């Protein structure tokens, strides 16, 4: 069966200074590791029936009809430091497909070879980061959080040199688009107002059609990012590298490099091996988001006829992030506590719980899942000092009683909000280590366990356990 992709490549119709046209570099011996057939159907793709042909397709050795491969250029602030030119240093955008429902998606190969933006890199990816992104992005999708998606993973049969000699792989990523805050920054830094206008028009038409002009676009991106970061924090997710080139204007999570999930809760938790000063710690994510959005506002400013009026309006919009985030975050916390109505003191109740969890080493996911059950007192087992939870439990139960919600409804609502299973860092690392030893069993088992994260399943209880001391992951890596 011939592969068929319903391509309509709107980004490739933008001016050529937005990208470099380039085909993926062939690999030696492509071998299919995983393919997401459900996502392929969602996109309206027809894939080859033969695994070898599918591997050739998703390694870049064969291109589907209608592909217009290119590497996108962008800039960005990385850990606060300005980089005037970044871009797809190891990724090739094959093109955009229009799904049966009319939605538009990018299809991109990561690890597809050098581009003009590689900055002395080899343009390749090794197996570990490919499987990490596959696992975490699909887990985030199952959790209901806006995210890029995993379509395929292919081994290349080649060796990649990182901290050692490692097996190479190519990851196929699907996104609403790969347009970033840094894409706007690139053209703003070059005072290319025509390109900025073309990019803004493209993004409004593609992602935020209700937006009017640059201010409307900025406000739409601010709203999307406020919701997204609140959702991240609701499942204990730490992005790890919130550079402006890793923030999409669509509001999707992108670039799962040194990302991780909380085990024991503490607001200052950092996993990323390159985040030496905790810039992107769990609790810092909202303030970093607003910093990034201020950079987007600065980049959009040349599109406003009156600069002074633009500065005033854009400043007000960026300052409004705090209220938008607080509303989203408090809504997430109310849902996690089973509260169907809003009261002024609800945020204080939720934050008191988090403070007690931090002081007692309580596991983030297991504590909220235990509270979601018919016997919420089981959450005490997650605390070093179980009695530390008792005063809070009494207040919470009084708040629930005042609301009058029946118990089955509370349990159902909370269990649909608080997952039983997340991609525990040690499980991800175990799956990668096994795959490097040519055993994909743990990877596929983990993917199956994460497919329905809110459903109780005694057979999957081991995936709910926190790591043993010897299994704890204290640092995660970007893979480049």
Protein backbone atom coordinates (compact mmCIF):
# COMPACT_ATOMS: atom_id res chain seq x y z
CA UNK A 1 0.00 0.00 0.00
CA UNK A 2 1.36 3.41 -0.99
CA UNK A 3 1.64 6.03 1.74
CA UNK A 4 -0.75 8.94 1.35
CA UNK A 5 -0.57 12.14 3.38
CA UNK A 6 -3.14 14.93 2.80
CA UNK A 7 -0.52 17.68 2.53
CA UNK A 8 -1.28 21.39 2.22
CA UNK A 9 1.95 23.17 3.13
CA UNK A 10 1.04 26.72 4.09
CA UNK A 11 4.30 27.46 5.94
CA UNK A 12 6.27 26.57 2.81
CA UNK A 13 4.30 29.29 1.01
CA UNK A 14 5.69 31.97 3.31
CA UNK A 15 8.77 33.89 2.12
CA UNK A 16 11.89 31.75 1.84
CA UNK A 17 13.72 33.66 4.58
CA UNK A 18 11.46 31.78 7.02
CA UNK A 19 13.24 28.48 6.35
CA UNK A 20 15.76 26.51 4.33
CA UNK A 21 14.44 23.88 1.98
CA UNK A 22 16.26 20.65 2.75
CA UNK A 23 15.54 16.93 2.55
CA UNK A 24 16.27 14.59 5.47
CA UNK A 25 19.67 12.89 5.40
CA UNK A 26 19.29 9.14 4.70
CA UNK A 27 20.11 6.64 7.43
CA UNK A 28 21.86 3.32 7.12
CA UNK A 29 19.39 0.70 8.35
CA UNK A 30 15.99 2.07 9.44
CA UNK A 31 13.98 -0.19 11.73
CA UNK A 32 10.50 0.61 13.04
CA UNK A 33 10.30 0.80 16.83
CA UNK A 34 6.81 2.23 17.28
CA UNK A 35 4.06 3.76 15.19
CA UNK A 36 0.94 5.49 16.50
CA UNK A 37 -1.77 4.06 14.26
CA UNK A 38 -4.53 5.83 16.18
CA UNK A 39 -2.93 9.20 15.57
CA UNK A 40 -2.29 8.32 11.93
CA UNK A 41 -6.01 7.65 11.51
CA UNK A 42 -6.84 10.94 13.25
CA UNK A 43 -4.63 12.74 10.71
CA UNK A 44 -6.11 10.92 7.74
CA UNK A 45 -2.82 9.24 6.82
CA UNK A 46 -2.52 6.04 4.85
CA UNK A 47 0.59 4.17 5.96
CA UNK A 48 2.37 1.27 4.27
CA UNK A 49 1.34 -2.17 5.48
CA UNK A 50 4.97 -3.29 5.58
CA UNK A 51 7.02 -2.29 8.64
CA UNK A 52 10.17 -1.89 6.58
CA UNK A 53 8.45 0.60 4.27
CA UNK A 54 7.01 2.44 7.26
CA UNK A 55 10.49 2.63 8.74
CA UNK A 56 11.87 4.08 5.51
CA UNK A 57 9.08 6.66 5.52
CA UNK A 58 9.60 7.82 9.12
CA UNK A 59 13.40 7.77 8.93
CA UNK A 60 13.42 10.20 6.00
CA UNK A 61 14.78 7.61 3.56
CA UNK A 62 11.54 7.86 1.58
CA UNK A 63 9.28 10.92 1.34
CA UNK A 64 5.50 10.80 0.94
CA UNK A 65 4.09 12.51 -2.13
CA UNK A 66 3.43 16.18 -1.51
CA UNK A 67 6.09 16.67 1.15
CA UNK A 68 8.06 19.92 0.95
CA UNK A 69 10.84 19.32 3.48
CA UNK A 70 12.35 22.35 5.18
CA UNK A 71 14.12 23.49 8.33
CA UNK A 72 12.56 26.45 10.12
CA UNK A 73 14.61 29.37 11.40
CA UNK A 74 14.00 31.11 14.72
CA UNK A 75 15.87 32.83 17.53
CA UNK A 76 15.35 32.79 21.29
CA UNK A 77 16.38 33.45 24.84
CA UNK A 78 18.01 30.36 26.34
CA UNK A 79 18.19 30.51 30.13
CA UNK A 80 17.74 34.26 29.75
CA UNK A 81 20.62 34.67 27.29
CA UNK A 82 19.90 35.94 23.78
CA UNK A 83 20.70 33.76 20.77
CA UNK A 84 20.00 35.71 17.57
CA UNK A 85 19.78 32.62 15.36
CA UNK A 86 18.73 29.14 16.36
CA UNK A 87 16.41 27.12 14.14
CA UNK A 88 15.83 23.46 13.39
CA UNK A 89 19.31 22.10 13.89
CA UNK A 90 18.28 18.45 13.68
CA UNK A 91 14.66 18.56 12.53
CA UNK A 92 13.01 18.63 9.13
CA UNK A 93 9.38 19.69 8.66
CA UNK A 94 7.96 17.37 6.00
CA UNK A 95 4.86 19.52 5.64
CA UNK A 96 1.36 20.07 6.97
CA UNK A 97 -1.58 17.72 6.67
CA UNK A 98 -5.23 18.64 6.86
CA UNK A 99 -7.11 16.04 8.89
CA UNK A 100 -10.58 14.79 7.96
CA UNK A 101 -12.14 17.30 10.39
CA UNK A 102 -10.26 20.19 8.79
CA UNK A 103 -7.66 20.61 11.53
CA UNK A 104 -4.12 21.33 10.33
CA UNK A 105 -1.02 19.58 11.70
CA UNK A 106 2.73 19.72 11.08
CA UNK A 107 4.64 16.48 10.58
CA UNK A 108 8.30 16.81 11.52
CA UNK A 109 11.24 14.40 11.68
CA UNK A 110 13.62 14.97 14.62
CA UNK A 111 17.11 13.59 14.22
CA UNK A 112 16.90 13.93 10.45
CA UNK A 113 20.41 15.31 9.85
CA UNK A 114 22.36 18.55 9.74
CA UNK A 115 20.80 21.82 8.60
CA UNK A 116 22.21 25.33 8.27
CA UNK A 117 21.02 25.87 11.86
CA UNK A 118 22.88 22.94 13.44
CA UNK A 119 25.57 25.12 15.05
CA UNK A 120 28.25 22.40 14.84
CA UNK A 121 25.78 19.71 15.96
CA UNK A 122 25.52 16.38 14.18
CA UNK A 123 21.84 16.77 13.35
CA UNK A 124 21.01 13.38 14.81
CA UNK A 125 19.17 12.06 17.85
CA UNK A 126 19.91 9.07 20.00
CA UNK A 127 17.37 6.52 21.11
CA UNK A 128 16.91 7.75 24.70
CA UNK A 129 15.47 11.23 23.99
CA UNK A 130 13.39 9.83 21.14
CA UNK A 131 11.67 7.33 23.42
CA UNK A 132 11.39 9.88 26.24
CA UNK A 133 9.54 12.30 23.96
CA UNK A 134 7.37 9.51 22.59
CA UNK A 135 6.37 8.37 26.08
CA UNK A 136 5.86 11.77 27.68
CA UNK A 137 4.07 13.49 24.82
CA UNK A 138 1.56 10.64 24.48
CA UNK A 139 1.11 10.54 28.26
CA UNK A 140 0.39 14.27 28.26
CA UNK A 141 -2.17 13.79 25.52
CA UNK A 142 -3.86 11.05 27.56
CA UNK A 143 -3.90 13.44 30.53
CA UNK A 144 -5.78 15.96 28.41
CA UNK A 145 -2.98 18.54 28.25
CA UNK A 146 -2.28 20.36 24.96
CA UNK A 147 0.84 18.83 23.50
CA UNK A 148 2.74 17.81 20.43
CA UNK A 149 2.19 14.16 19.62
CA UNK A 150 4.29 11.11 18.76
CA UNK A 151 3.62 9.50 15.40
CA UNK A 152 6.60 7.15 15.06
CA UNK A 153 10.04 6.18 16.32
CA UNK A 154 12.61 4.55 14.05
CA UNK A 155 16.07 3.18 14.85
CA UNK A 156 18.66 4.31 12.29
CA UNK A 157 21.23 1.55 12.55
CA UNK A 158 23.84 4.24 13.17
CA UNK A 159 25.81 5.33 16.22
CA UNK A 160 25.45 8.79 17.74
CA UNK A 161 28.21 10.19 19.93
CA UNK A 162 27.02 11.93 23.10
CA UNK A 163 28.45 10.99 26.49
CA UNK A 164 29.31 7.72 24.82
CA UNK A 165 28.50 5.74 21.68
CA UNK A 166 24.72 5.44 21.54
CA UNK A 167 22.14 4.00 19.13
CA UNK A 168 20.63 6.55 16.77
CA UNK A 169 16.92 7.10 16.15
CA UNK A 170 14.48 9.44 14.41
CA UNK A 171 11.30 10.73 16.06
CA UNK A 172 8.24 11.82 14.08
CA UNK A 173 6.49 14.67 15.86
CA UNK A 174 3.04 16.07 15.13
CA UNK A 175 2.09 19.59 16.17
CA UNK A 176 -0.58 22.17 15.46
CA UNK A 177 2.49 24.07 14.30
CA UNK A 178 6.12 24.52 15.27
CA UNK A 179 5.90 28.33 15.39
CA UNK A 180 7.47 29.66 18.56
CA UNK A 181 7.92 32.92 20.43
CA UNK A 182 11.46 32.72 19.07
CA UNK A 183 10.15 32.74 15.49
CA UNK A 184 8.78 36.24 16.06
CA UNK A 185 11.96 37.25 17.87
CA UNK A 186 14.08 36.25 14.88
CA UNK A 187 12.40 38.68 12.52
CA UNK A 188 11.99 41.42 15.12
CA UNK A 189 15.73 41.35 15.82
CA UNK A 190 16.34 41.91 12.10
CA UNK A 191 13.77 44.74 11.92
CA UNK A 192 12.02 42.76 9.20
CA UNK A 193 8.56 44.22 9.65
CA UNK A 194 7.21 42.65 6.45
CA UNK A 195 8.16 39.19 7.69
CA UNK A 196 6.72 39.93 11.13
CA UNK A 197 3.43 40.96 9.55
CA UNK A 198 3.34 37.87 7.34
CA UNK A 199 4.06 35.65 10.35
CA UNK A 200 1.41 37.33 12.50
CA UNK A 201 -1.18 37.00 9.75
CA UNK A 202 -0.27 33.32 9.32
CA UNK A 203 -0.52 32.59 13.06
CA UNK A 204 -3.83 34.41 13.46
CA UNK A 205 -5.37 32.55 10.54
CA UNK A 206 -3.98 29.21 11.69
CA UNK A 207 -4.31 29.31 15.47
CA UNK A 208 -6.25 32.34 16.73
CA UNK A 209 -8.77 33.41 14.09
CA UNK A 210 -10.74 35.39 16.66
CA UNK A 211 -7.73 37.64 17.34
CA UNK A 212 -7.71 41.14 15.92
CA UNK A 213 -4.30 42.53 15.11
CA UNK A 214 -1.07 42.13 17.07
CA UNK A 215 -2.66 42.98 20.42
CA UNK A 216 -5.37 40.38 19.90
CA UNK A 217 -2.73 37.84 18.92
CA UNK A 218 -0.67 38.60 22.03
CA UNK A 219 -3.71 38.28 24.28
CA UNK A 220 -4.67 34.95 22.68
CA UNK A 221 -1.19 33.51 23.22
CA UNK A 222 -1.13 34.80 26.81
CA UNK A 223 -4.47 33.13 27.54
CA UNK A 224 -3.37 29.83 25.97
CA UNK A 225 -0.09 29.76 27.90
CA UNK A 226 -1.77 30.63 31.21
CA UNK A 227 -4.09 27.65 30.82
CA UNK A 228 -1.25 25.38 29.70
CA UNK A 229 1.12 26.11 32.58
CA UNK A 230 -1.70 25.64 35.10
CA UNK A 231 -2.41 22.24 33.55
CA UNK A 232 1.28 21.31 33.74
CA UNK A 233 1.40 22.12 37.40
CA UNK A 234 -1.79 20.20 38.05
CA UNK A 235 -0.05 16.94 37.15
CA UNK A 236 3.33 17.86 38.66
CA UNK A 237 5.03 18.39 35.31
CA UNK A 238 8.30 20.33 35.04
CA UNK A 239 9.22 21.32 31.49
CA UNK A 240 12.85 21.88 32.39
CA UNK A 241 13.87 24.18 29.54
CA UNK A 242 11.30 26.95 29.09
CA UNK A 243 13.35 28.99 26.65
CA UNK A 244 11.47 31.31 24.31
CA UNK A 245 12.28 28.98 21.41
CA UNK A 246 10.47 26.21 23.34
CA UNK A 247 7.19 28.12 23.78
CA UNK A 248 4.66 27.70 20.99
CA UNK A 249 2.19 30.38 19.96
CA UNK A 250 -0.44 27.64 19.57
CA UNK A 251 -0.44 26.86 23.31
CA UNK A 252 0.89 23.30 22.96
CA UNK A 253 3.63 21.76 25.07
CA UNK A 254 6.71 21.27 22.91
CA UNK A 255 10.28 19.99 23.22
CA UNK A 256 10.35 17.30 25.88
CA UNK A 257 14.04 17.45 26.65
CA UNK A 258 15.02 17.39 30.34
CA UNK A 259 11.39 17.28 31.42
CA UNK A 260 10.23 15.31 34.46
CA UNK A 261 7.32 14.73 36.82
CA UNK A 262 7.31 15.33 40.56
CA UNK A 263 7.52 12.34 42.84
CA UNK A 264 7.63 13.90 46.31
CA UNK A 265 6.18 17.39 46.09
CA UNK A 266 8.35 20.43 46.63
CA UNK A 267 7.88 23.73 44.79
CA UNK A 268 11.62 24.22 44.25
CA UNK A 269 12.14 20.88 42.49
CA UNK A 270 14.51 20.93 39.51
CA UNK A 271 15.53 17.93 37.40
CA UNK A 272 17.21 19.46 34.34
CA UNK A 273 20.95 18.87 34.41
CA UNK A 274 21.56 22.20 32.66
CA UNK A 275 19.35 24.29 34.98
CA UNK A 276 22.07 25.05 37.48
CA UNK A 277 20.25 27.87 39.30
CA UNK A 278 16.66 26.59 39.30
CA UNK A 279 15.40 29.09 36.74
CA UNK A 280 12.86 26.55 35.47
CA UNK A 281 11.92 24.93 38.80
CA UNK A 282 8.36 23.67 39.23
CA UNK A 283 7.04 26.76 41.03
CA UNK A 284 8.91 29.19 38.77
CA UNK A 285 7.09 28.11 35.61
CA UNK A 286 4.37 30.79 35.73
CA UNK A 287 6.83 33.65 36.14
CA UNK A 288 9.03 32.28 33.37
CA UNK A 289 5.97 32.05 31.11
CA UNK A 290 5.19 35.72 31.68
CA UNK A 291 8.86 36.62 31.04
CA UNK A 292 8.70 34.76 27.73
CA UNK A 293 5.44 36.45 26.82
CA UNK A 294 7.01 39.84 27.48
CA UNK A 295 9.59 38.90 24.83
CA UNK A 296 6.75 38.09 22.42
CA UNK A 297 5.18 41.47 23.16
CA UNK A 298 8.48 43.20 22.41
CA UNK A 299 8.78 41.30 19.13
CA UNK A 300 5.24 42.27 18.07
CA UNK A 301 5.65 45.94 18.91
CA UNK A 302 6.93 47.00 15.44
CA UNK A 303 3.51 46.01 14.03
CA UNK A 304 1.77 48.77 16.04
CA UNK A 305 1.58 52.18 14.32
CA UNK A 306 1.82 54.19 17.53
CA UNK A 307 4.71 52.82 19.57
CA UNK A 308 3.75 54.56 22.83
CA UNK A 309 0.17 53.31 22.65
CA UNK A 310 1.47 49.87 21.75
CA UNK A 311 3.80 49.76 24.74
CA UNK A 312 0.95 50.72 27.06
CA UNK A 313 -1.48 48.16 25.62
CA UNK A 314 1.07 45.35 25.41
CA UNK A 315 2.30 46.00 28.95
CA UNK A 316 -1.25 45.77 30.26
CA UNK A 317 -1.78 42.53 28.35
CA UNK A 318 1.39 40.93 29.73
CA UNK A 319 0.59 42.14 33.24
CA UNK A 320 -2.79 40.45 32.84
CA UNK A 321 -1.11 37.04 32.69
CA UNK A 322 -1.08 36.85 36.48
CA UNK A 323 -4.86 37.08 36.77
CA UNK A 324 -5.36 34.65 33.90
CA UNK A 325 -2.94 32.14 35.40
CA UNK A 326 -4.40 32.48 38.91
CA UNK A 327 -7.89 31.83 37.58
CA UNK A 328 -6.71 28.77 35.65
CA UNK A 329 -4.55 27.44 38.50
CA UNK A 330 -7.25 27.91 41.12
CA UNK A 331 -9.67 26.13 38.82
CA UNK A 332 -7.24 23.22 38.49
CA UNK A 333 -6.81 23.05 42.27
CA UNK A 334 -10.57 23.15 42.92
CA UNK A 335 -11.07 20.28 40.50
CA UNK A 336 -8.28 18.31 42.16
CA UNK A 337 -10.04 18.78 45.51
CA UNK A 338 -13.46 17.81 44.17
CA UNK A 339 -14.99 21.26 44.64
CA UNK A 340 -17.79 22.00 42.20
CA UNK A 341 -18.30 25.60 43.32
CA UNK A 342 -15.87 28.44 43.98
CA UNK A 343 -15.30 30.17 47.31
CA UNK A 344 -12.79 32.86 48.10
CA UNK A 345 -10.88 30.74 50.60
CA UNK A 346 -10.52 27.70 48.31
CA UNK A 347 -7.05 28.69 47.03
CA UNK A 348 -5.78 29.02 50.60
CA UNK A 349 -7.16 25.56 51.41
CA UNK A 350 -5.36 24.04 48.40
CA UNK A 351 -2.10 25.85 49.05
CA UNK A 352 -2.15 24.75 52.69
CA UNK A 353 -2.31 21.16 51.50
CA UNK A 354 0.66 21.72 49.19
CA UNK A 355 2.66 23.27 52.04
CA UNK A 356 1.97 20.26 54.24
CA UNK A 357 2.93 17.91 51.41
CA UNK A 358 6.22 19.75 50.86
CA UNK A 359 7.08 19.60 54.55
CA UNK A 360 6.35 15.87 54.73
CA UNK A 361 7.77 14.46 51.50
CA UNK A 362 4.31 13.50 50.22
CA UNK A 363 4.13 12.09 46.71
CA UNK A 364 2.23 14.55 44.50
CA UNK A 365 0.30 12.10 42.34
CA UNK A 366 -0.40 9.48 45.02
CA UNK A 367 -1.62 12.04 47.56
CA UNK A 368 -4.24 13.52 45.26
CA UNK A 369 -5.28 10.10 43.98
CA UNK A 370 -5.73 8.85 47.54
CA UNK A 371 -7.86 11.88 48.37
CA UNK A 372 -9.99 10.99 45.34
CA UNK A 373 -11.01 7.62 46.71
CA UNK A 374 -13.76 6.52 49.08
CA UNK A 375 -11.34 6.70 52.03
CA UNK A 376 -9.41 9.97 51.68
CA UNK A 377 -7.63 9.31 54.98
CA UNK A 378 -5.40 6.89 53.04
CA UNK A 379 -3.56 10.00 51.86
CA UNK A 380 -2.01 10.11 55.35
CA UNK A 381 0.20 7.21 54.29
CA UNK A 382 2.05 9.51 51.91
CA UNK A 383 3.22 11.78 54.75
CA UNK A 384 6.34 11.33 56.86
CA UNK A 385 4.17 12.46 59.79
CA UNK A 386 0.66 11.23 58.98
CA UNK A 387 -0.88 13.43 61.66
CA UNK A 388 0.29 16.52 59.74
CA UNK A 389 -2.56 15.98 57.28
CA UNK A 390 -5.33 15.58 59.89
CA UNK A 391 -6.19 19.28 60.49
CA UNK A 392 -6.34 19.89 56.76
CA UNK A 393 -8.48 16.80 56.15
CA UNK A 394 -11.03 18.06 58.68
CA UNK A 395 -11.26 21.48 56.99
CA UNK A 396 -11.51 19.97 53.52
CA UNK A 397 -14.23 17.54 54.53
CA UNK A 398 -16.17 20.38 56.17
CA UNK A 399 -15.86 22.35 52.93
CA UNK A 400 -17.16 19.36 50.95
CA UNK A 401 -20.05 18.92 53.37
CA UNK A 402 -21.01 22.57 53.03
CA UNK A 403 -21.13 22.15 49.28
CA UNK A 404 -23.50 19.21 49.57
CA UNK A 405 -22.04 17.19 46.73
CA UNK A 406 -22.88 13.50 47.04
CA UNK A 407 -19.97 11.15 47.65
CA UNK A 408 -20.14 9.11 44.42
CA UNK A 409 -20.16 12.31 42.38
CA UNK A 410 -17.15 13.66 44.29
CA UNK A 411 -15.18 10.45 43.81
CA UNK A 412 -15.98 10.26 40.10
CA UNK A 413 -15.06 13.90 39.52
CA UNK A 414 -11.80 13.69 41.44
CA UNK A 415 -10.72 10.43 39.84
CA UNK A 416 -11.33 11.97 36.42
CA UNK A 417 -8.99 14.82 37.39
CA UNK A 418 -6.27 13.19 39.50
CA UNK A 419 -4.43 10.50 37.53
CA UNK A 420 -3.51 7.16 39.01
CA UNK A 421 -0.47 6.92 36.73
CA UNK A 422 1.99 9.39 35.28
CA UNK A 423 5.24 8.73 33.39
CA UNK A 424 7.33 8.25 36.49
CA UNK A 425 10.90 9.30 35.80
CA UNK A 426 12.38 6.00 36.90
CA UNK A 427 9.98 4.05 34.68
CA UNK A 428 10.94 6.15 31.69
CA UNK A 429 14.62 5.59 32.38
CA UNK A 430 14.08 1.85 32.80
CA UNK A 431 12.27 1.71 29.45
CA UNK A 432 15.13 3.57 27.75
CA UNK A 433 17.81 1.38 29.31
CA UNK A 434 16.00 -1.76 28.19
CA UNK A 435 15.54 -0.39 24.66
CA UNK A 436 19.25 0.38 24.40
CA UNK A 437 19.77 -3.31 25.21
CA UNK A 438 17.37 -4.12 22.34
CA UNK A 439 14.37 -4.91 24.57
CA UNK A 440 11.32 -2.79 23.74
CA UNK A 441 9.06 -4.71 26.10
CA UNK A 442 9.26 -2.20 28.99
CA UNK A 443 8.62 0.69 26.56
CA UNK A 444 5.46 -0.88 25.16
CA UNK A 445 4.28 -1.94 28.63
CA UNK A 446 4.75 1.60 29.93
CA UNK A 447 2.89 3.06 26.96
CA UNK A 448 -0.02 0.70 27.65
CA UNK A 449 -0.06 1.62 31.34
CA UNK A 450 -0.20 5.35 30.54
CA UNK A 451 -2.88 5.14 27.86
CA UNK A 452 -5.74 5.46 30.39
CA UNK A 453 -4.17 7.30 33.31
CA UNK A 454 -7.38 7.99 35.23
CA UNK A 455 -8.68 4.40 35.26
CA UNK A 456 -8.12 2.17 38.26
CA UNK A 457 -6.46 -1.08 37.19
CA UNK A 458 -4.94 -3.36 39.85
CA UNK A 459 -2.82 -5.01 37.14
CA UNK A 460 -0.98 -1.71 36.70
CA UNK A 461 -0.41 -0.97 40.37
CA UNK A 462 3.37 -1.18 39.98
CA UNK A 463 3.28 1.83 37.65
CA UNK A 464 1.70 3.89 40.43
CA UNK A 465 4.52 3.26 42.89
CA UNK A 466 7.10 5.95 43.60
CA UNK A 467 10.73 5.00 42.99
CA UNK A 468 12.70 3.04 45.52
CA UNK A 469 15.70 4.94 46.82
CA UNK A 470 18.02 3.25 44.33
CA UNK A 471 15.62 4.09 41.46
CA UNK A 472 15.28 7.81 42.12
CA UNK A 473 16.05 10.07 39.17
CA UNK A 474 17.68 13.29 40.28
CA UNK A 475 18.77 14.69 36.91
CA UNK A 476 17.38 14.59 33.39
CA UNK A 477 19.16 15.51 30.16
CA UNK A 478 18.26 17.24 26.92
CA UNK A 479 19.88 14.68 24.62
CA UNK A 480 21.71 17.08 22.31
